[in-house]
C-alpha atoms as a PDB file:
ATOM      1  CA  MET A   1       0.000   0.000   0.000  1.00  0.00           C
ATOM      2  CA  ASP A   2       1.593   3.252  -1.138  1.00  0.00           C
ATOM      3  CA  PHE A   3       1.586   6.742   0.310  1.00  0.00           C
ATOM      4  CA  ASN A   4      -0.619   7.808  -2.639  1.00  0.00           C
ATOM      5  CA  GLY A   5      -4.060   8.639  -1.280  1.00  0.00           C
ATOM      6  CA  SER A   6      -2.818   8.536   2.307  1.00  0.00           C
ATOM      7  CA  ASP A   7      -3.533  11.217   4.873  1.00  0.00           C
ATOM      8  CA  THR A   8      -0.858  13.827   5.360  1.00  0.00           C
ATOM      9  CA  ILE A   9      -0.461  16.237   8.245  1.00  0.00           C
ATOM     10  CA  PRO A  10      -1.474  19.779   7.169  1.00  0.00           C
ATOM     11  CA  GLY A  11       1.461  22.169   6.929  1.00  0.00           C
ATOM     12  CA  PRO A  12       5.081  21.331   7.696  1.00  0.00           C
ATOM     13  CA  ARG A  13       5.795  18.432  10.004  1.00  0.00           C
ATOM     14  CA  THR A  14       7.448  19.142  13.340  1.00  0.00           C
ATOM     15  CA  GLU A  15      11.186  19.388  13.727  1.00  0.00           C
ATOM     16  CA  ASP A  16      13.130  16.313  14.721  1.00  0.00           C
ATOM     17  CA  HIS A  17      13.643  17.404  18.334  1.00  0.00           C
ATOM     18  CA  LEU A  18      11.291  16.089  20.994  1.00  0.00           C
ATOM     19  CA  PRO A  19       8.488  18.287  22.323  1.00  0.00           C
ATOM     20  CA  HIS A  20       9.676  20.059  25.478  1.00  0.00           C
ATOM     21  CA  THR A  21       6.797  18.508  27.441  1.00  0.00           C
ATOM     22  CA  ALA A  22       7.803  14.900  26.660  1.00  0.00           C
ATOM     23  CA  GLN A  23       8.578  12.823  29.735  1.00  0.00           C
ATOM     24  CA  ALA A  24       8.524   9.281  28.368  1.00  0.00           C
ATOM     25  CA  ALA A  25       9.350   7.620  25.053  1.00  0.00           C
ATOM     26  CA  VAL A  26       8.301   4.135  23.967  1.00  0.00           C
ATOM     27  CA  LYS A  27       9.648   2.022  21.108  1.00  0.00           C
ATOM     28  CA  ILE A  28       6.983   0.303  19.009  1.00  0.00           C
ATOM     29  CA  VAL A  29       7.607  -2.048  16.069  1.00  0.00           C
ATOM     30  CA  ILE A  30       5.188  -2.445  13.163  1.00  0.00           C
ATOM     31  CA  VAL A  31       5.506  -5.866  11.568  1.00  0.00           C
ATOM     32  CA  GLY A  32       3.797  -7.931   8.904  1.00  0.00           C
ATOM     33  CA  GLY A  33       4.261  -9.588   5.555  1.00  0.00           C
ATOM     34  CA  PHE A  34       5.431  -8.022   2.325  1.00  0.00           C
ATOM     35  CA  GLY A  35       3.228  -5.191   1.043  1.00  0.00           C
ATOM     36  CA  VAL A  36       0.825  -5.211   4.001  1.00  0.00           C
ATOM     37  CA  GLY A  37       1.100  -1.453   4.626  1.00  0.00           C
ATOM     38  CA  LYS A  38       3.825  -0.936   7.229  1.00  0.00           C
ATOM     39  CA  THR A  39       5.548   1.926   5.410  1.00  0.00           C
ATOM     40  CA  THR A  40       2.201   3.559   4.713  1.00  0.00           C
ATOM     41  CA  MET A  41       1.170   3.337   8.368  1.00  0.00           C
ATOM     42  CA  VAL A  42       4.370   4.967   9.593  1.00  0.00           C
ATOM     43  CA  GLY A  43       4.048   7.670   6.945  1.00  0.00           C
ATOM     44  CA  SER A  44       0.414   8.481   7.656  1.00  0.00           C
ATOM     45  CA  VAL A  45       0.709   8.749  11.426  1.00  0.00           C
ATOM     46  CA  SER A  46       4.193  10.181  12.025  1.00  0.00           C
ATOM     47  CA  ASP A  47       4.486  13.738  13.345  1.00  0.00           C
ATOM     48  CA  ILE A  48       7.869  14.083  11.679  1.00  0.00           C
ATOM     49  CA  ARG A  49       8.866  13.344   8.124  1.00  0.00           C
ATOM     50  CA  PRO A  50       9.373   9.566   8.194  1.00  0.00           C
ATOM     51  CA  LEU A  51      12.678   7.934   7.437  1.00  0.00           C
ATOM     52  CA  THR A  52      12.319   5.158   4.878  1.00  0.00           C
ATOM     53  CA  THR A  53      14.821   2.726   3.396  1.00  0.00           C
ATOM     54  CA  GLU A  54      12.906   1.815   0.266  1.00  0.00           C
ATOM     55  CA  GLU A  55      14.737   0.539  -2.789  1.00  0.00           C
ATOM     56  CA  THR A  56      13.447  -0.121  -6.275  1.00  0.00           C
ATOM     57  CA  MET A  57      12.335  -3.691  -6.781  1.00  0.00           C
ATOM     58  CA  THR A  58      14.289  -5.592  -9.431  1.00  0.00           C
ATOM     59  CA  GLN A  59      14.065  -8.812 -11.379  1.00  0.00           C
ATOM     60  CA  ALA A  60      16.179 -10.460  -8.665  1.00  0.00           C
ATOM     61  CA  GLY A  61      13.150 -10.657  -6.396  1.00  0.00           C
ATOM     62  CA  ILE A  62      11.060 -12.657  -8.862  1.00  0.00           C
ATOM     63  CA  GLY A  63      10.460 -16.132  -7.495  1.00  0.00           C
ATOM     64  CA  VAL A  64      12.005 -15.123  -4.156  1.00  0.00           C
ATOM     65  CA  ASP A  65       9.574 -12.570  -2.718  1.00  0.00           C
ATOM     66  CA  ASP A  66       5.887 -13.361  -2.418  1.00  0.00           C
ATOM     67  CA  ASN A  67       4.227 -10.234  -3.797  1.00  0.00           C
ATOM     68  CA  TYR A  68       0.715 -11.625  -4.084  1.00  0.00           C
ATOM     69  CA  GLY A  69      -1.721  -8.749  -3.723  1.00  0.00           C
ATOM     70  CA  SER A  70       1.086  -6.221  -4.169  1.00  0.00           C
ATOM     71  CA  GLU A  71       1.990  -6.794  -7.789  1.00  0.00           C
ATOM     72  CA  SER A  72       1.961  -3.047  -8.506  1.00  0.00           C
ATOM     73  CA  LYS A  73       4.605  -2.245  -5.886  1.00  0.00           C
ATOM     74  CA  THR A  74       7.765  -0.775  -7.389  1.00  0.00           C
ATOM     75  CA  ALA A  75       9.747  -0.226  -4.180  1.00  0.00           C
ATOM     76  CA  THR A  76      10.249  -2.144  -0.969  1.00  0.00           C
ATOM     77  CA  THR A  77      11.688  -1.561   2.501  1.00  0.00           C
ATOM     78  CA  VAL A  78      15.112  -3.162   2.893  1.00  0.00           C
ATOM     79  CA  ALA A  79      16.045  -2.084   6.431  1.00  0.00           C
ATOM     80  CA  MET A  80      13.347  -0.184   8.334  1.00  0.00           C
ATOM     81  CA  ASP A  81      10.921   2.713   8.392  1.00  0.00           C
ATOM     82  CA  PHE A  82      11.084   5.205  11.234  1.00  0.00           C
ATOM     83  CA  GLY A  83       8.603   7.751  12.521  1.00  0.00           C
ATOM     84  CA  ARG A  84       7.507   9.446  15.726  1.00  0.00           C
ATOM     85  CA  ILE A  85       4.163  10.438  17.174  1.00  0.00           C
ATOM     86  CA  SER A  86       3.233  12.264  20.374  1.00  0.00           C
ATOM     87  CA  VAL A  87       0.136  10.507  21.697  1.00  0.00           C
ATOM     88  CA  THR A  88      -0.070  12.919  24.659  1.00  0.00           C
ATOM     89  CA  ASP A  89       1.923  15.963  25.734  1.00  0.00           C
ATOM     90  CA  LYS A  90       4.076  13.677  27.845  1.00  0.00           C
ATOM     91  CA  LEU A  91       4.225  10.396  25.895  1.00  0.00           C
ATOM     92  CA  VAL A  92       6.052   9.895  22.598  1.00  0.00           C
ATOM     93  CA  LEU A  93       6.091   6.729  20.500  1.00  0.00           C
ATOM     94  CA  TYR A  94       9.035   5.864  18.279  1.00  0.00           C
ATOM     95  CA  LEU A  95       7.766   3.743  15.392  1.00  0.00           C
ATOM     96  CA  PHE A  96       9.953   1.191  13.609  1.00  0.00           C
ATOM     97  CA  GLY A  97       8.520  -0.524  10.539  1.00  0.00           C
ATOM     98  CA  THR A  98      10.184  -3.815   9.645  1.00  0.00           C
ATOM     99  CA  PRO A  99      10.956  -5.126   6.149  1.00  0.00           C
ATOM    100  CA  GLY A 100       8.361  -7.608   4.953  1.00  0.00           C
ATOM    101  CA  GLN A 101      10.294 -10.003   2.746  1.00  0.00           C
ATOM    102  CA  GLU A 102      11.415 -13.135   4.546  1.00  0.00           C
ATOM    103  CA  ARG A 103      14.977 -12.739   3.274  1.00  0.00           C
ATOM    104  CA  PHE A 104      15.270  -9.540   5.350  1.00  0.00           C
ATOM    105  CA  TRP A 105      13.808 -11.001   8.549  1.00  0.00           C
ATOM    106  CA  PHE A 106      17.296 -11.396  10.042  1.00  0.00           C
ATOM    107  CA  LEU A 107      17.094  -7.624  10.655  1.00  0.00           C
ATOM    108  CA  TRP A 108      14.069  -8.035  12.914  1.00  0.00           C
ATOM    109  CA  ASN A 109      16.024  -9.141  15.982  1.00  0.00           C
ATOM    110  CA  GLY A 110      17.823  -5.815  16.165  1.00  0.00           C
ATOM    111  CA  LEU A 111      14.623  -3.868  15.620  1.00  0.00           C
ATOM    112  CA  PHE A 112      12.875  -5.831  18.391  1.00  0.00           C
ATOM    113  CA  GLU A 113      15.530  -4.848  20.950  1.00  0.00           C
ATOM    114  CA  GLY A 114      13.986  -2.520  23.519  1.00  0.00           C
ATOM    115  CA  ALA A 115      10.512  -2.622  21.936  1.00  0.00           C
ATOM    116  CA  LEU A 116       7.705  -2.363  24.473  1.00  0.00           C
ATOM    117  CA  GLY A 117       5.059  -3.622  22.045  1.00  0.00           C
ATOM    118  CA  ALA A 118       4.177  -4.293  18.428  1.00  0.00           C
ATOM    119  CA  VAL A 119       1.470  -3.891  15.818  1.00  0.00           C
ATOM    120  CA  VAL A 120       0.987  -6.894  13.527  1.00  0.00           C
ATOM    121  CA  LEU A 121      -0.532  -5.744  10.236  1.00  0.00           C
ATOM    122  CA  VAL A 122      -2.568  -8.434   8.501  1.00  0.00           C
ATOM    123  CA  ASP A 123      -3.781  -8.847   4.924  1.00  0.00           C
ATOM    124  CA  THR A 124      -6.747 -11.245   4.722  1.00  0.00           C
ATOM    125  CA  ARG A 125      -5.507 -12.446   1.319  1.00  0.00           C
ATOM    126  CA  ARG A 126      -2.361 -13.816   2.991  1.00  0.00           C
ATOM    127  CA  LEU A 127      -3.236 -14.741   6.553  1.00  0.00           C
ATOM    128  CA  GLU A 128      -0.684 -17.555   6.586  1.00  0.00           C
ATOM    129  CA  VAL A 129       2.190 -15.051   6.557  1.00  0.00           C
ATOM    130  CA  SER A 130       1.055 -13.736   9.942  1.00  0.00           C
ATOM    131  CA  PHE A 131       1.801 -16.944  11.840  1.00  0.00           C
ATOM    132  CA  ASP A 132       5.580 -16.660  11.476  1.00  0.00           C
ATOM    133  CA  VAL A 133       5.395 -12.952  12.310  1.00  0.00           C
ATOM    134  CA  MET A 134       3.428 -13.504  15.512  1.00  0.00           C
ATOM    135  CA  GLY A 135       5.586 -16.492  16.409  1.00  0.00           C
ATOM    136  CA  ARG A 136       8.706 -14.340  16.337  1.00  0.00           C
ATOM    137  CA  LEU A 137       7.089 -11.777  18.632  1.00  0.00           C
ATOM    138  CA  GLU A 138       5.980 -14.482  21.048  1.00  0.00           C
ATOM    139  CA  GLU A 139       9.501 -15.929  21.113  1.00  0.00           C
ATOM    140  CA  ARG A 140      10.856 -12.508  22.048  1.00  0.00           C
ATOM    141  CA  GLY A 141       8.112 -11.878  24.604  1.00  0.00           C
ATOM    142  CA  VAL A 142       6.913  -8.740  22.800  1.00  0.00           C
ATOM    143  CA  PRO A 143       3.177  -8.047  23.403  1.00  0.00           C
ATOM    144  CA  PHE A 144       1.233  -7.198  20.260  1.00  0.00           C
ATOM    145  CA  VAL A 145      -2.114  -6.217  18.812  1.00  0.00           C
ATOM    146  CA  VAL A 146      -3.389  -7.307  15.404  1.00  0.00           C
ATOM    147  CA  ALA A 147      -4.648  -4.767  12.875  1.00  0.00           C
ATOM    148  CA  VAL A 148      -6.388  -6.015   9.718  1.00  0.00           C
ATOM    149  CA  ASN A 149      -5.569  -3.562   6.937  1.00  0.00           C
ATOM    150  CA  SER A 150      -8.522  -2.862   4.632  1.00  0.00           C
ATOM    151  CA  PHE A 151      -7.473  -3.523   1.049  1.00  0.00           C
ATOM    152  CA  PRO A 152     -10.233  -2.834  -1.518  1.00  0.00           C
ATOM    153  CA  ASP A 153     -10.057  -6.283  -3.111  1.00  0.00           C
ATOM    154  CA  ALA A 154      -9.422  -8.268   0.078  1.00  0.00           C
ATOM    155  CA  PRO A 155     -12.151 -10.511   1.521  1.00  0.00           C
ATOM    156  CA  ARG A 156     -13.839  -9.258   4.689  1.00  0.00           C
ATOM    157  CA  TYR A 157     -14.474 -11.511   7.668  1.00  0.00           C
ATOM    158  CA  PRO A 158     -15.978 -10.916  11.105  1.00  0.00           C
ATOM    159  CA  VAL A 159     -13.290 -10.061  13.632  1.00  0.00           C
ATOM    160  CA  GLU A 160     -14.015 -13.115  15.762  1.00  0.00           C
ATOM    161  CA  GLU A 161     -13.621 -15.405  12.740  1.00  0.00           C
ATOM    162  CA  LEU A 162     -10.233 -13.828  12.127  1.00  0.00           C
ATOM    163  CA  ARG A 163      -9.330 -14.312  15.787  1.00  0.00           C
ATOM    164  CA  THR A 164     -10.046 -18.025  15.408  1.00  0.00           C
ATOM    165  CA  ALA A 165      -8.187 -18.294  12.086  1.00  0.00           C
ATOM    166  CA  LEU A 166      -5.135 -16.558  13.555  1.00  0.00           C
ATOM    167  CA  ASP A 167      -5.347 -18.611  16.767  1.00  0.00           C
ATOM    168  CA  LEU A 168      -5.308 -15.496  18.941  1.00  0.00           C
ATOM    169  CA  THR A 169      -5.979 -15.755  22.647  1.00  0.00           C
ATOM    170  CA  PRO A 170      -8.995 -13.750  23.879  1.00  0.00           C
ATOM    171  CA  GLU A 171      -6.983 -10.944  25.495  1.00  0.00           C
ATOM    172  CA  ILE A 172      -5.061  -9.956  22.338  1.00  0.00           C
ATOM    173  CA  PRO A 173      -6.854  -7.024  20.662  1.00  0.00           C
ATOM    174  CA  ILE A 174      -7.743  -7.386  16.986  1.00  0.00           C
ATOM    175  CA  MET A 175      -9.320  -4.629  14.884  1.00  0.00           C
ATOM    176  CA  GLU A 176      -9.853  -3.467  11.327  1.00  0.00           C
ATOM    177  CA  CYS A 177      -7.999  -0.385  10.103  1.00  0.00           C
ATOM    178  CA  ASP A 178      -7.078   1.661   7.061  1.00  0.00           C
ATOM    179  CA  VAL A 179      -3.401   2.548   7.419  1.00  0.00           C
ATOM    180  CA  ARG A 180      -3.747   5.325   4.836  1.00  0.00           C
ATOM    181  CA  ARG A 181      -5.819   7.264   7.362  1.00  0.00           C
ATOM    182  CA  ARG A 182      -4.016   8.969  10.222  1.00  0.00           C
ATOM    183  CA  ALA A 183      -6.961   8.636  12.616  1.00  0.00           C
ATOM    184  CA  SER A 184      -7.256   4.907  11.929  1.00  0.00           C
ATOM    185  CA  SER A 185      -3.529   4.274  12.359  1.00  0.00           C
ATOM    186  CA  LYS A 186      -3.461   6.348  15.549  1.00  0.00           C
ATOM    187  CA  GLU A 187      -6.371   4.362  16.993  1.00  0.00           C
ATOM    188  CA  VAL A 188      -4.408   1.149  16.413  1.00  0.00           C
ATOM    189  CA  LEU A 189      -1.482   2.618  18.350  1.00  0.00           C
ATOM    190  CA  MET A 190      -3.765   3.795  21.147  1.00  0.00           C
ATOM    191  CA  THR A 191      -5.261   0.296  21.352  1.00  0.00           C
ATOM    192  CA  LEU A 192      -1.746  -1.083  21.723  1.00  0.00           C
ATOM    193  CA  MET A 193      -0.957   1.418  24.487  1.00  0.00           C
ATOM    194  CA  ARG A 194      -4.146   0.498  26.365  1.00  0.00           C
ATOM    195  CA  PHE A 195      -3.229  -3.191  25.988  1.00  0.00           C
ATOM    196  CA  LEU A 196       0.276  -2.555  27.336  1.00  0.00           C
ATOM    197  CA  HIS A 197      -1.218  -0.613  30.229  1.00  0.00           C
ATOM    198  CA  SER A 198      -3.496  -3.530  31.085  1.00  0.00           C
ATOM    199  CA  ILE A 199      -0.503  -5.884  31.039  1.00  0.00           C
ATOM    200  CA  ALA A 200       1.400  -3.563  33.368  1.00  0.00           C
ATOM    201  CA  LEU A 201      -1.525  -3.586  35.791  1.00  0.00           C
ATOM    202  CA  THR A 202      -1.843  -7.369  35.842  1.00  0.00           C
ATOM    203  CA  GLY A 203       1.900  -8.018  35.769  1.00  0.00           C
ATOM    204  CA  ALA A 204       1.842 -10.401  32.792  1.00  0.00           C
ATOM    205  CA  LEU A 205      -0.158 -11.676  29.866  1.00  0.00           C
ATOM    206  CA  THR A 206      -2.905 -13.995  31.026  1.00  0.00           C
END
């Protein structure tokens, strides 16, 4: 999913320095399969101009990368995307989008270091990709929420059917979203923060 048609923040984005009111910063990773919308999510919600590491896709990826549903993509993330959003005057989230192709997954371990939580973006046309993604987060002990990105040609299923298909435990939040829309992407992040808060109150995932 490209930036084209995505929300943009009116006027110039803020400077790179933190707001003077900020008291806490949290690292969040945004993960998912190839072409699921990670770069678009970071770009739509970031208060600052996002850092991207996109490179033009070449013939070398044919037969290696699974681009089903993303055949029109001409560029892909090869290291990470980075953005920042102030969710309150005092709390800032640093957003790290991971590369989607499996051949770049070796970079994920470094990106997971210090992450308090994660957003798993899901494409209903390729649910099977999500199992490895969630498995890696579970291995690292990183709490996550699941956001189903709304692609125009993707099948729609009730959220509880998706919960069953993805084998999610009842406490893990799952929601639909449109990562092109700032409000939708921000609500996903706020859901993650509420989930992390509930974990902090109970001491652990149940």
